[in-house]
């Protein structure tokens, strides 16, 4: 019983920290291209060259965080509902 009572404030703290992170920095690095914006490839000689643009981030290297995406959806629903 006491472990669940101590877990609730910890989860609340983690949630608030993530919400603050999404407010301060809404964009995170793309996990597929690791922020480069393109795939790293090797040519025939073994040298590293630039590949195609990343499909997930469209070559920007940044993506909208999940928390910020949920906030954008909620604010859009609220705005559309109050018009």
N, C-alpha and C. Protein backbone atom coordinates (compact mmCIF):
# COMPACT_ATOMS: atom_id res chain seq x y z
N UNK A 1 0.82 -1.19 0.00
CA UNK A 1 0.00 0.00 0.00
C UNK A 1 0.86 1.25 0.00
N UNK A 2 1.94 1.24 0.78
CA UNK A 2 2.78 2.43 0.87
C UNK A 2 3.59 2.65 -0.41
N UNK A 3 3.87 1.58 -1.16
CA UNK A 3 4.63 1.74 -2.41
C UNK A 3 3.79 2.45 -3.47
N UNK A 4 2.46 2.19 -3.48
CA UNK A 4 1.60 2.89 -4.44
C UNK A 4 1.44 4.35 -4.04
N UNK A 5 1.44 4.63 -2.74
CA UNK A 5 1.32 6.02 -2.31
C UNK A 5 2.57 6.82 -2.64
N UNK A 6 3.72 6.17 -2.63
CA UNK A 6 4.95 6.88 -2.98
C UNK A 6 5.13 6.95 -4.50
N UNK A 7 4.47 6.06 -5.24
CA UNK A 7 4.59 6.07 -6.70
C UNK A 7 3.75 7.17 -7.32
N UNK A 8 2.65 7.54 -6.69
CA UNK A 8 1.77 8.57 -7.25
C UNK A 8 2.48 9.93 -7.35
N UNK A 9 3.14 10.42 -6.30
CA UNK A 9 3.85 11.70 -6.47
C UNK A 9 5.01 11.61 -7.46
N UNK A 10 5.65 10.45 -7.54
CA UNK A 10 6.74 10.30 -8.50
C UNK A 10 6.21 10.38 -9.94
N UNK A 11 5.09 9.71 -10.21
CA UNK A 11 4.49 9.79 -11.55
C UNK A 11 3.99 11.20 -11.85
N UNK A 12 3.44 11.86 -10.85
CA UNK A 12 2.99 13.23 -11.04
C UNK A 12 4.17 14.15 -11.35
N UNK A 13 5.28 13.96 -10.68
CA UNK A 13 6.48 14.76 -10.93
C UNK A 13 7.02 14.52 -12.33
N UNK A 14 7.06 13.27 -12.76
CA UNK A 14 7.53 12.94 -14.10
C UNK A 14 6.62 13.56 -15.15
N UNK A 15 5.31 13.50 -14.93
CA UNK A 15 4.35 14.07 -15.87
C UNK A 15 4.51 15.58 -15.97
N UNK A 16 4.68 16.25 -14.85
CA UNK A 16 4.84 17.70 -14.87
C UNK A 16 6.16 18.10 -15.53
N UNK A 17 7.21 17.33 -15.31
CA UNK A 17 8.49 17.62 -15.97
C UNK A 17 8.38 17.45 -17.47
N UNK A 18 7.67 16.41 -17.92
CA UNK A 18 7.50 16.19 -19.35
C UNK A 18 6.64 17.29 -19.96
N UNK A 19 5.61 17.74 -19.24
CA UNK A 19 4.77 18.84 -19.73
C UNK A 19 5.59 20.12 -19.85
N UNK A 20 6.46 20.37 -18.90
CA UNK A 20 7.33 21.55 -18.97
C UNK A 20 8.30 21.43 -20.14
N UNK A 21 8.83 20.24 -20.37
CA UNK A 21 9.73 20.02 -21.50
C UNK A 21 9.01 20.27 -22.82
N UNK A 22 7.77 19.81 -22.93
CA UNK A 22 7.00 20.02 -24.16
C UNK A 22 6.66 21.49 -24.36
N UNK A 23 6.47 22.23 -23.27
CA UNK A 23 6.18 23.65 -23.39
C UNK A 23 7.42 24.44 -23.80
N UNK A 24 8.57 24.08 -23.24
CA UNK A 24 9.81 24.81 -23.53
C UNK A 24 10.38 24.41 -24.88
N UNK A 25 10.41 23.13 -25.16
CA UNK A 25 10.99 22.62 -26.40
C UNK A 25 10.00 21.66 -27.05
N UNK A 26 9.09 22.17 -27.88
CA UNK A 26 8.07 21.29 -28.46
C UNK A 26 8.60 20.32 -29.51
N UNK A 27 9.78 20.57 -30.04
CA UNK A 27 10.35 19.69 -31.06
C UNK A 27 11.50 18.88 -30.48
N UNK A 28 11.50 17.60 -30.78
CA UNK A 28 12.58 16.72 -30.37
C UNK A 28 13.29 16.18 -31.60
N UNK A 29 14.43 15.56 -31.41
CA UNK A 29 15.16 15.03 -32.55
C UNK A 29 14.44 13.79 -33.09
N UNK A 30 14.54 13.62 -34.37
CA UNK A 30 13.93 12.46 -35.03
C UNK A 30 14.68 11.21 -34.61
N UNK A 31 13.95 10.17 -34.24
CA UNK A 31 14.59 8.95 -33.77
C UNK A 31 15.10 8.09 -34.92
N UNK A 32 14.54 8.26 -36.09
CA UNK A 32 14.97 7.41 -37.20
C UNK A 32 16.30 7.89 -37.79
N UNK A 33 16.44 9.18 -38.00
CA UNK A 33 17.68 9.70 -38.60
C UNK A 33 18.60 10.32 -37.55
N UNK A 34 18.20 10.29 -36.29
CA UNK A 34 18.98 10.81 -35.16
C UNK A 34 19.31 12.29 -35.31
N UNK A 35 18.41 13.05 -35.95
CA UNK A 35 18.58 14.49 -36.06
C UNK A 35 19.37 14.96 -37.26
N UNK A 36 19.88 14.04 -38.08
CA UNK A 36 20.63 14.45 -39.27
C UNK A 36 19.71 14.98 -40.36
N UNK A 37 18.52 14.41 -40.49
CA UNK A 37 17.60 14.79 -41.55
C UNK A 37 17.74 13.92 -42.78
N UNK A 38 18.68 13.00 -42.76
CA UNK A 38 18.89 12.10 -43.89
C UNK A 38 19.49 10.80 -43.37
N UNK A 39 19.41 9.78 -44.18
CA UNK A 39 20.00 8.50 -43.85
C UNK A 39 21.48 8.52 -44.22
N UNK A 40 22.31 7.99 -43.37
CA UNK A 40 23.75 7.90 -43.64
C UNK A 40 24.00 6.59 -44.38
N UNK A 41 24.68 6.69 -45.51
CA UNK A 41 24.96 5.51 -46.33
C UNK A 41 26.45 5.41 -46.59
N UNK A 42 26.86 4.26 -47.08
CA UNK A 42 28.25 4.06 -47.49
C UNK A 42 28.27 3.82 -48.99
N UNK A 43 29.26 4.42 -49.66
CA UNK A 43 29.39 4.18 -51.09
C UNK A 43 30.22 2.91 -51.32
N UNK A 44 30.59 2.65 -52.54
CA UNK A 44 31.31 1.42 -52.86
C UNK A 44 32.69 1.35 -52.23
N UNK A 45 33.28 2.49 -52.01
CA UNK A 45 34.62 2.52 -51.41
C UNK A 45 34.56 2.46 -49.88
N UNK A 46 33.38 2.51 -49.32
CA UNK A 46 33.24 2.45 -47.88
C UNK A 46 33.17 3.81 -47.21
N UNK A 47 33.18 4.86 -47.99
CA UNK A 47 33.08 6.20 -47.43
C UNK A 47 31.63 6.51 -47.08
N UNK A 48 31.46 7.28 -46.04
CA UNK A 48 30.11 7.66 -45.60
C UNK A 48 29.62 8.82 -46.45
N UNK A 49 28.43 8.66 -47.02
CA UNK A 49 27.82 9.70 -47.85
C UNK A 49 26.41 9.98 -47.37
N UNK A 50 25.88 11.06 -47.87
CA UNK A 50 24.52 11.43 -47.53
C UNK A 50 23.55 10.61 -48.37
N UNK A 51 22.53 10.07 -47.69
CA UNK A 51 21.51 9.30 -48.38
C UNK A 51 20.29 10.16 -48.67
N UNK A 52 19.16 9.52 -48.79
CA UNK A 52 17.91 10.24 -49.05
C UNK A 52 17.45 10.97 -47.80
N UNK A 53 16.56 11.94 -48.00
CA UNK A 53 15.97 12.64 -46.86
C UNK A 53 15.11 11.68 -46.05
N UNK A 54 15.07 11.91 -44.76
CA UNK A 54 14.29 11.07 -43.86
C UNK A 54 12.80 11.26 -44.14
N UNK A 55 12.07 10.16 -44.20
CA UNK A 55 10.64 10.25 -44.49
C UNK A 55 9.84 10.71 -43.28
N UNK A 56 10.30 10.39 -42.08
CA UNK A 56 9.55 10.76 -40.88
C UNK A 56 9.57 12.26 -40.63
N UNK A 57 10.76 12.85 -40.70
CA UNK A 57 10.88 14.28 -40.38
C UNK A 57 10.97 15.14 -41.63
N UNK A 58 10.94 14.52 -42.81
CA UNK A 58 11.00 15.21 -44.10
C UNK A 58 12.28 16.03 -44.27
N UNK A 59 13.36 15.57 -43.68
CA UNK A 59 14.65 16.20 -43.85
C UNK A 59 14.97 17.30 -42.86
N UNK A 60 14.09 17.56 -41.89
CA UNK A 60 14.35 18.62 -40.92
C UNK A 60 15.16 18.14 -39.73
N UNK A 61 15.05 16.87 -39.39
CA UNK A 61 15.78 16.34 -38.24
C UNK A 61 15.04 16.53 -36.94
N UNK A 62 13.90 17.18 -36.96
CA UNK A 62 13.11 17.44 -35.76
C UNK A 62 11.69 16.93 -35.96
N UNK A 63 11.08 16.49 -34.86
CA UNK A 63 9.69 16.04 -34.89
C UNK A 63 8.97 16.61 -33.70
N UNK A 64 7.66 16.73 -33.80
CA UNK A 64 6.84 17.23 -32.70
C UNK A 64 6.75 16.14 -31.64
N UNK A 65 6.97 16.51 -30.39
CA UNK A 65 6.89 15.55 -29.30
C UNK A 65 5.45 15.08 -29.12
N UNK A 66 5.28 13.90 -28.52
CA UNK A 66 3.95 13.31 -28.33
C UNK A 66 3.10 14.20 -27.44
N UNK A 67 3.67 14.71 -26.36
CA UNK A 67 2.92 15.57 -25.45
C UNK A 67 2.47 16.85 -26.11
N UNK A 68 3.34 17.43 -26.93
CA UNK A 68 2.97 18.66 -27.64
C UNK A 68 1.90 18.37 -28.68
N UNK A 69 1.98 17.20 -29.33
CA UNK A 69 0.96 16.82 -30.31
C UNK A 69 -0.40 16.68 -29.63
N UNK A 70 -0.44 16.06 -28.45
CA UNK A 70 -1.70 15.93 -27.72
C UNK A 70 -2.23 17.29 -27.28
N UNK A 71 -1.34 18.19 -26.86
CA UNK A 71 -1.76 19.54 -26.49
C UNK A 71 -2.33 20.28 -27.70
N UNK A 72 -1.69 20.15 -28.85
CA UNK A 72 -2.18 20.80 -30.07
C UNK A 72 -3.57 20.27 -30.45
N UNK A 73 -3.77 18.96 -30.32
CA UNK A 73 -5.08 18.39 -30.62
C UNK A 73 -6.16 18.90 -29.67
N UNK A 74 -5.83 18.95 -28.37
CA UNK A 74 -6.81 19.43 -27.38
C UNK A 74 -7.14 20.90 -27.60
N UNK A 75 -6.14 21.72 -27.90
CA UNK A 75 -6.42 23.13 -28.12
C UNK A 75 -7.20 23.35 -29.41
N UNK A 76 -6.96 22.53 -30.43
CA UNK A 76 -7.72 22.64 -31.66
C UNK A 76 -9.18 22.25 -31.44
N UNK A 77 -9.42 21.19 -30.66
CA UNK A 77 -10.80 20.79 -30.37
C UNK A 77 -11.51 21.87 -29.56
N UNK A 78 -10.83 22.44 -28.60
CA UNK A 78 -11.42 23.50 -27.78
C UNK A 78 -11.72 24.73 -28.63
N UNK A 79 -10.78 25.12 -29.49
CA UNK A 79 -10.98 26.29 -30.33
C UNK A 79 -12.15 26.07 -31.32
N UNK A 80 -12.23 24.89 -31.91
CA UNK A 80 -13.31 24.60 -32.84
C UNK A 80 -14.66 24.50 -32.13
N UNK A 81 -14.66 24.08 -30.87
CA UNK A 81 -15.90 23.95 -30.13
C UNK A 81 -16.44 25.26 -29.59
N UNK A 82 -15.59 26.26 -29.47
CA UNK A 82 -16.03 27.55 -28.92
C UNK A 82 -16.27 28.60 -29.98
N UNK A 83 -16.16 28.24 -31.23
CA UNK A 83 -16.41 29.22 -32.29
C UNK A 83 -17.87 29.42 -32.52
